[in-house]
Amino acid sequence: MEARSYVENIANRTTMRGVISTMTRLLLVVVVVGAVALMVLMNFHPVALISGVVLLGFAIVLARDVVITTREIRKAPLDLAFEPAPSRGLVTPGTVFGVAAGLVLFGAIMGITMYVGNPGGSFVGPIALVAVGVALAIMGIPTLGVQQRKWTVLSDALAANPGLVPYLQDARARFPKSAPFPFSAPTDVVTIP
């Protein structure tokens, strides 16, 4: 996400922080549901129980991250870091949905091949691949429309925290002339008065 100004960089970083937080929450739900479904669908087989417990342990780590991130977002609603948000990365709709579609397709082809070769065999592998692909697609939903949403996210954060406006006005007054981009640009949708 390229920024033409510091204000746009704040919008980019704040939006991406929210996207990653939402993706972590979705992953937490998918892991918990997947762990329980795995144990139930496999009739509490010992391997399924071990796998389910490992997944639930991972869910505890994710829950901790969700709590910490939520607390940080409440404490500092805007990400005011000066470093530019990455313009490209793995958290893009194309990457997330491409990998998800690849996993689902590979799992489906693997399942069809296994069925043709052995109609009565186990299909745990293909089902697992399809499930992981679907889970990744669910996690990718928050990445849609990030560029269009960033100004709304910044406007909402400033409206909910009016005390940040004087802070940004002061930051504009002290903004370094040697910065790689200006404090604000004509393309900014949100202006700091």
C-alpha atoms as a PDB file:
ATOM      1  CA  MET A   1       0.000   0.000   0.000  1.00  0.00           C
ATOM      2  CA  GLU A   2       1.739   3.083  -1.260  1.00  0.00           C
ATOM      3  CA  ALA A   3       1.382   6.338   0.628  1.00  0.00           C
ATOM      4  CA  ARG A   4       1.687   9.794  -0.895  1.00  0.00           C
ATOM      5  CA  SER A   5       1.575  11.481   2.508  1.00  0.00           C
ATOM      6  CA  TYR A   6       1.961  10.810   6.215  1.00  0.00           C
ATOM      7  CA  VAL A   7      -1.822  11.059   6.650  1.00  0.00           C
ATOM      8  CA  GLU A   8      -2.324   8.379   3.988  1.00  0.00           C
ATOM      9  CA  ASN A   9       0.376   6.276   5.657  1.00  0.00           C
ATOM     10  CA  ILE A  10      -1.545   6.507   8.943  1.00  0.00           C
ATOM     11  CA  ALA A  11      -4.702   5.390   7.083  1.00  0.00           C
ATOM     12  CA  ASN A  12      -2.833   2.485   5.452  1.00  0.00           C
ATOM     13  CA  ARG A  13      -1.173   1.268   8.641  1.00  0.00           C
ATOM     14  CA  THR A  14      -4.315   1.654  10.772  1.00  0.00           C
ATOM     15  CA  THR A  15      -6.423  -0.215   8.213  1.00  0.00           C
ATOM     16  CA  MET A  16      -3.907  -3.045   7.799  1.00  0.00           C
ATOM     17  CA  ARG A  17      -3.628  -3.427  11.565  1.00  0.00           C
ATOM     18  CA  GLY A  18      -7.404  -3.841  11.700  1.00  0.00           C
ATOM     19  CA  VAL A  19      -7.369  -6.313   8.787  1.00  0.00           C
ATOM     20  CA  ILE A  20      -4.734  -8.469  10.445  1.00  0.00           C
ATOM     21  CA  SER A  21      -6.644  -8.333  13.739  1.00  0.00           C
ATOM     22  CA  THR A  22      -9.844  -9.449  11.987  1.00  0.00           C
ATOM     23  CA  MET A  23      -7.986 -12.220  10.163  1.00  0.00           C
ATOM     24  CA  THR A  24      -6.575 -13.465  13.473  1.00  0.00           C
ATOM     25  CA  ARG A  25     -10.069 -13.540  14.983  1.00  0.00           C
ATOM     26  CA  LEU A  26     -11.417 -15.469  12.006  1.00  0.00           C
ATOM     27  CA  LEU A  27      -8.505 -17.904  12.218  1.00  0.00           C
ATOM     28  CA  LEU A  28      -9.270 -18.414  15.920  1.00  0.00           C
ATOM     29  CA  VAL A  29     -12.893 -19.297  15.132  1.00  0.00           C
ATOM     30  CA  VAL A  30     -11.885 -21.591  12.250  1.00  0.00           C
ATOM     31  CA  VAL A  31      -9.285 -23.395  14.402  1.00  0.00           C
ATOM     32  CA  VAL A  32     -11.723 -23.972  17.286  1.00  0.00           C
ATOM     33  CA  VAL A  33     -14.516 -25.152  14.969  1.00  0.00           C
ATOM     34  CA  GLY A  34     -12.057 -27.282  12.996  1.00  0.00           C
ATOM     35  CA  ALA A  35     -10.619 -28.907  16.131  1.00  0.00           C
ATOM     36  CA  VAL A  36     -14.040 -29.792  17.492  1.00  0.00           C
ATOM     37  CA  ALA A  37     -15.284 -30.976  14.082  1.00  0.00           C
ATOM     38  CA  LEU A  38     -12.185 -33.109  13.604  1.00  0.00           C
ATOM     39  CA  MET A  39     -12.656 -34.839  16.939  1.00  0.00           C
ATOM     40  CA  VAL A  40     -16.392 -35.385  16.444  1.00  0.00           C
ATOM     41  CA  LEU A  41     -16.214 -36.496  12.796  1.00  0.00           C
ATOM     42  CA  MET A  42     -13.426 -38.966  13.566  1.00  0.00           C
ATOM     43  CA  ASN A  43     -15.448 -40.428  16.476  1.00  0.00           C
ATOM     44  CA  PHE A  44     -12.853 -39.302  19.026  1.00  0.00           C
ATOM     45  CA  HIS A  45     -10.170 -41.547  17.539  1.00  0.00           C
ATOM     46  CA  PRO A  46      -6.882 -41.136  19.473  1.00  0.00           C
ATOM     47  CA  VAL A  47      -5.157 -39.452  16.515  1.00  0.00           C
ATOM     48  CA  ALA A  48      -8.097 -37.073  16.130  1.00  0.00           C
ATOM     49  CA  LEU A  49      -8.034 -36.305  19.856  1.00  0.00           C
ATOM     50  CA  ILE A  50      -4.310 -35.523  19.769  1.00  0.00           C
ATOM     51  CA  SER A  51      -4.721 -33.360  16.654  1.00  0.00           C
ATOM     52  CA  GLY A  52      -7.747 -31.609  18.173  1.00  0.00           C
ATOM     53  CA  VAL A  53      -5.896 -30.859  21.411  1.00  0.00           C
ATOM     54  CA  VAL A  54      -2.922 -29.469  19.458  1.00  0.00           C
ATOM     55  CA  LEU A  55      -5.305 -27.258  17.455  1.00  0.00           C
ATOM     56  CA  LEU A  56      -7.017 -26.081  20.651  1.00  0.00           C
ATOM     57  CA  GLY A  57      -3.569 -25.254  22.088  1.00  0.00           C
ATOM     58  CA  PHE A  58      -2.917 -23.176  18.969  1.00  0.00           C
ATOM     59  CA  ALA A  59      -6.322 -21.540  19.524  1.00  0.00           C
ATOM     60  CA  ILE A  60      -5.211 -20.478  23.018  1.00  0.00           C
ATOM     61  CA  VAL A  61      -2.154 -18.759  21.505  1.00  0.00           C
ATOM     62  CA  LEU A  62      -4.393 -17.044  18.936  1.00  0.00           C
ATOM     63  CA  ALA A  63      -6.839 -15.962  21.667  1.00  0.00           C
ATOM     64  CA  ARG A  64      -3.926 -14.378  23.556  1.00  0.00           C
ATOM     65  CA  ASP A  65      -2.903 -12.489  20.390  1.00  0.00           C
ATOM     66  CA  VAL A  66      -6.491 -11.323  19.840  1.00  0.00           C
ATOM     67  CA  VAL A  67      -6.712  -9.990  23.408  1.00  0.00           C
ATOM     68  CA  ILE A  68      -3.349  -8.192  23.152  1.00  0.00           C
ATOM     69  CA  THR A  69      -4.150  -6.699  19.733  1.00  0.00           C
ATOM     70  CA  THR A  70      -7.604  -5.554  20.843  1.00  0.00           C
ATOM     71  CA  ARG A  71      -6.103  -3.906  23.910  1.00  0.00           C
ATOM     72  CA  GLU A  72      -3.444  -2.148  21.781  1.00  0.00           C
ATOM     73  CA  ILE A  73      -6.042  -0.910  19.275  1.00  0.00           C
ATOM     74  CA  ARG A  74      -8.191   0.497  22.083  1.00  0.00           C
ATOM     75  CA  LYS A  75      -5.183   2.188  23.674  1.00  0.00           C
ATOM     76  CA  ALA A  76      -3.820   3.608  20.396  1.00  0.00           C
ATOM     77  CA  PRO A  77      -6.562   3.639  17.715  1.00  0.00           C
ATOM     78  CA  LEU A  78      -4.234   5.054  15.036  1.00  0.00           C
ATOM     79  CA  ASP A  79      -0.998   3.454  13.884  1.00  0.00           C
ATOM     80  CA  LEU A  80       1.202   6.544  13.807  1.00  0.00           C
ATOM     81  CA  ALA A  81       4.457   4.799  12.884  1.00  0.00           C
ATOM     82  CA  PHE A  82       6.489   6.703  10.356  1.00  0.00           C
ATOM     83  CA  GLU A  83       7.691   3.695   8.352  1.00  0.00           C
ATOM     84  CA  PRO A  84       5.653   3.213   5.193  1.00  0.00           C
ATOM     85  CA  ALA A  85       3.234   0.301   5.150  1.00  0.00           C
ATOM     86  CA  PRO A  86       4.466  -2.374   2.744  1.00  0.00           C
ATOM     87  CA  SER A  87       3.191  -1.798  -0.772  1.00  0.00           C
ATOM     88  CA  ARG A  88       3.090  -5.544  -1.513  1.00  0.00           C
ATOM     89  CA  GLY A  89       2.874  -8.516   0.752  1.00  0.00           C
ATOM     90  CA  LEU A  90       1.177 -11.802   1.401  1.00  0.00           C
ATOM     91  CA  VAL A  91      -1.923 -10.128   2.833  1.00  0.00           C
ATOM     92  CA  THR A  92      -3.491  -9.278  -0.514  1.00  0.00           C
ATOM     93  CA  PRO A  93      -6.738 -10.714  -1.879  1.00  0.00           C
ATOM     94  CA  GLY A  94      -5.010 -12.230  -4.901  1.00  0.00           C
ATOM     95  CA  THR A  95      -2.467 -14.138  -2.826  1.00  0.00           C
ATOM     96  CA  VAL A  96      -4.870 -15.317  -0.142  1.00  0.00           C
ATOM     97  CA  PHE A  97      -7.650 -16.408  -2.491  1.00  0.00           C
ATOM     98  CA  GLY A  98      -5.168 -17.860  -5.001  1.00  0.00           C
ATOM     99  CA  VAL A  99      -3.604 -20.126  -2.381  1.00  0.00           C
ATOM    100  CA  ALA A 100      -7.074 -21.032  -1.045  1.00  0.00           C
ATOM    101  CA  ALA A 101      -8.322 -21.947  -4.526  1.00  0.00           C
ATOM    102  CA  GLY A 102      -5.149 -23.951  -5.182  1.00  0.00           C
ATOM    103  CA  LEU A 103      -5.594 -25.953  -1.984  1.00  0.00           C
ATOM    104  CA  VAL A 104      -9.272 -26.638  -2.689  1.00  0.00           C
ATOM    105  CA  LEU A 105      -8.510 -27.645  -6.283  1.00  0.00           C
ATOM    106  CA  PHE A 106      -5.588 -29.862  -5.251  1.00  0.00           C
ATOM    107  CA  GLY A 107      -7.703 -31.503  -2.533  1.00  0.00           C
ATOM    108  CA  ALA A 108     -10.567 -32.104  -4.977  1.00  0.00           C
ATOM    109  CA  ILE A 109      -8.260 -33.617  -7.610  1.00  0.00           C
ATOM    110  CA  MET A 110      -6.559 -35.731  -4.958  1.00  0.00           C
ATOM    111  CA  GLY A 111      -9.957 -36.942  -3.702  1.00  0.00           C
ATOM    112  CA  ILE A 112     -11.178 -37.820  -7.211  1.00  0.00           C
ATOM    113  CA  THR A 113      -7.920 -39.663  -7.942  1.00  0.00           C
ATOM    114  CA  MET A 114      -8.119 -41.580  -4.671  1.00  0.00           C
ATOM    115  CA  TYR A 115     -11.768 -42.462  -5.289  1.00  0.00           C
ATOM    116  CA  VAL A 116     -11.027 -43.797  -8.763  1.00  0.00           C
ATOM    117  CA  GLY A 117      -8.103 -45.855  -7.431  1.00  0.00           C
ATOM    118  CA  ASN A 118      -9.771 -47.098  -4.237  1.00  0.00           C
ATOM    119  CA  PRO A 119     -13.501 -46.284  -3.848  1.00  0.00           C
ATOM    120  CA  GLY A 120     -13.670 -47.539  -0.247  1.00  0.00           C
ATOM    121  CA  GLY A 121     -10.491 -45.814   0.969  1.00  0.00           C
ATOM    122  CA  SER A 122      -9.991 -42.984   3.440  1.00  0.00           C
ATOM    123  CA  PHE A 123     -10.405 -39.443   2.177  1.00  0.00           C
ATOM    124  CA  VAL A 124      -8.995 -37.624   5.219  1.00  0.00           C
ATOM    125  CA  GLY A 125      -6.125 -36.031   3.246  1.00  0.00           C
ATOM    126  CA  PRO A 126      -8.238 -34.507   0.468  1.00  0.00           C
ATOM    127  CA  ILE A 127     -10.919 -33.388   2.912  1.00  0.00           C
ATOM    128  CA  ALA A 128      -8.242 -31.753   5.074  1.00  0.00           C
ATOM    129  CA  LEU A 129      -6.792 -29.893   2.072  1.00  0.00           C
ATOM    130  CA  VAL A 130     -10.220 -28.650   1.027  1.00  0.00           C
ATOM    131  CA  ALA A 131     -10.971 -27.607   4.628  1.00  0.00           C
ATOM    132  CA  VAL A 132      -7.680 -25.690   4.905  1.00  0.00           C
ATOM    133  CA  GLY A 133      -8.402 -23.978   1.567  1.00  0.00           C
ATOM    134  CA  VAL A 134     -11.891 -22.968   2.701  1.00  0.00           C
ATOM    135  CA  ALA A 135     -10.506 -21.704   6.023  1.00  0.00           C
ATOM    136  CA  LEU A 136      -7.915 -19.617   4.177  1.00  0.00           C
ATOM    137  CA  ALA A 137     -10.633 -18.187   1.926  1.00  0.00           C
ATOM    138  CA  ILE A 138     -12.673 -17.226   4.996  1.00  0.00           C
ATOM    139  CA  MET A 139      -9.601 -15.543   6.477  1.00  0.00           C
ATOM    140  CA  GLY A 140      -9.071 -13.634   3.231  1.00  0.00           C
ATOM    141  CA  ILE A 141     -12.436 -11.877   3.322  1.00  0.00           C
ATOM    142  CA  PRO A 142     -11.098  -8.880   5.338  1.00  0.00           C
ATOM    143  CA  THR A 143      -8.466  -8.200   2.645  1.00  0.00           C
ATOM    144  CA  LEU A 144     -11.152  -7.230   0.128  1.00  0.00           C
ATOM    145  CA  GLY A 145     -11.525  -3.497  -0.450  1.00  0.00           C
ATOM    146  CA  VAL A 146      -8.713  -2.393   1.865  1.00  0.00           C
ATOM    147  CA  GLN A 147      -7.624   0.466  -0.423  1.00  0.00           C
ATOM    148  CA  GLN A 148     -11.173   1.798  -0.667  1.00  0.00           C
ATOM    149  CA  ARG A 149     -11.820   1.414   3.070  1.00  0.00           C
ATOM    150  CA  LYS A 150      -8.707   3.107   4.447  1.00  0.00           C
ATOM    151  CA  TRP A 151     -10.108   6.650   4.492  1.00  0.00           C
ATOM    152  CA  THR A 152     -13.328   5.514   6.158  1.00  0.00           C
ATOM    153  CA  VAL A 153     -11.315   3.689   8.823  1.00  0.00           C
ATOM    154  CA  LEU A 154      -9.223   6.813   9.505  1.00  0.00           C
ATOM    155  CA  SER A 155     -12.293   9.087   9.557  1.00  0.00           C
ATOM    156  CA  ASP A 156     -14.109   6.757  11.957  1.00  0.00           C
ATOM    157  CA  ALA A 157     -11.085   6.527  14.250  1.00  0.00           C
ATOM    158  CA  LEU A 158     -10.731  10.324  14.376  1.00  0.00           C
ATOM    159  CA  ALA A 159     -14.479  10.752  14.981  1.00  0.00           C
ATOM    160  CA  ALA A 160     -14.395   8.225  17.825  1.00  0.00           C
ATOM    161  CA  ASN A 161     -11.239   9.783  19.337  1.00  0.00           C
ATOM    162  CA  PRO A 162     -11.436  13.580  18.865  1.00  0.00           C
ATOM    163  CA  GLY A 163      -8.439  14.009  21.173  1.00  0.00           C
ATOM    164  CA  LEU A 164      -6.201  12.694  18.392  1.00  0.00           C
ATOM    165  CA  VAL A 165      -6.898  15.659  16.101  1.00  0.00           C
ATOM    166  CA  PRO A 166      -4.839  18.142  18.206  1.00  0.00           C
ATOM    167  CA  TYR A 167      -2.065  15.545  18.386  1.00  0.00           C
ATOM    168  CA  LEU A 168      -1.995  15.304  14.584  1.00  0.00           C
ATOM    169  CA  GLN A 169      -2.125  19.103  14.253  1.00  0.00           C
ATOM    170  CA  ASP A 170       0.934  19.301  16.494  1.00  0.00           C
ATOM    171  CA  ALA A 171       2.629  16.522  14.492  1.00  0.00           C
ATOM    172  CA  ARG A 172       2.017  18.492  11.291  1.00  0.00           C
ATOM    173  CA  ALA A 173       3.708  21.540  12.817  1.00  0.00           C
ATOM    174  CA  ARG A 174       6.757  19.462  13.796  1.00  0.00           C
ATOM    175  CA  PHE A 175       6.842  17.296  10.668  1.00  0.00           C
ATOM    176  CA  PRO A 176      10.427  16.985   9.360  1.00  0.00           C
ATOM    177  CA  LYS A 177      11.220  18.588   6.019  1.00  0.00           C
ATOM    178  CA  SER A 178      13.530  15.640   5.207  1.00  0.00           C
ATOM    179  CA  ALA A 179      10.678  13.116   5.367  1.00  0.00           C
ATOM    180  CA  PRO A 180      10.251  10.800   2.349  1.00  0.00           C
ATOM    181  CA  PHE A 181       6.731  12.157   1.807  1.00  0.00           C
ATOM    182  CA  PRO A 182       4.792  15.286   2.863  1.00  0.00           C
ATOM    183  CA  PHE A 183       2.500  15.391   5.883  1.00  0.00           C
ATOM    184  CA  SER A 184      -0.577  15.682   3.678  1.00  0.00           C
ATOM    185  CA  ALA A 185      -1.218  15.603  -0.064  1.00  0.00           C
ATOM    186  CA  PRO A 186      -4.019  16.864  -2.329  1.00  0.00           C
ATOM    187  CA  THR A 187      -5.109  13.248  -2.845  1.00  0.00           C
ATOM    188  CA  ASP A 188      -5.847  12.744   0.870  1.00  0.00           C
ATOM    189  CA  VAL A 189      -9.529  12.234   1.553  1.00  0.00           C
ATOM    190  CA  VAL A 190      -9.213  13.124   5.251  1.00  0.00           C
ATOM    191  CA  THR A 191      -7.703  16.476   6.171  1.00  0.00           C
ATOM    192  CA  ILE A 192      -6.323  17.487   9.517  1.00  0.00           C
ATOM    193  CA  PRO A 193      -7.616  21.023  10.174  1.00  0.00           C
END
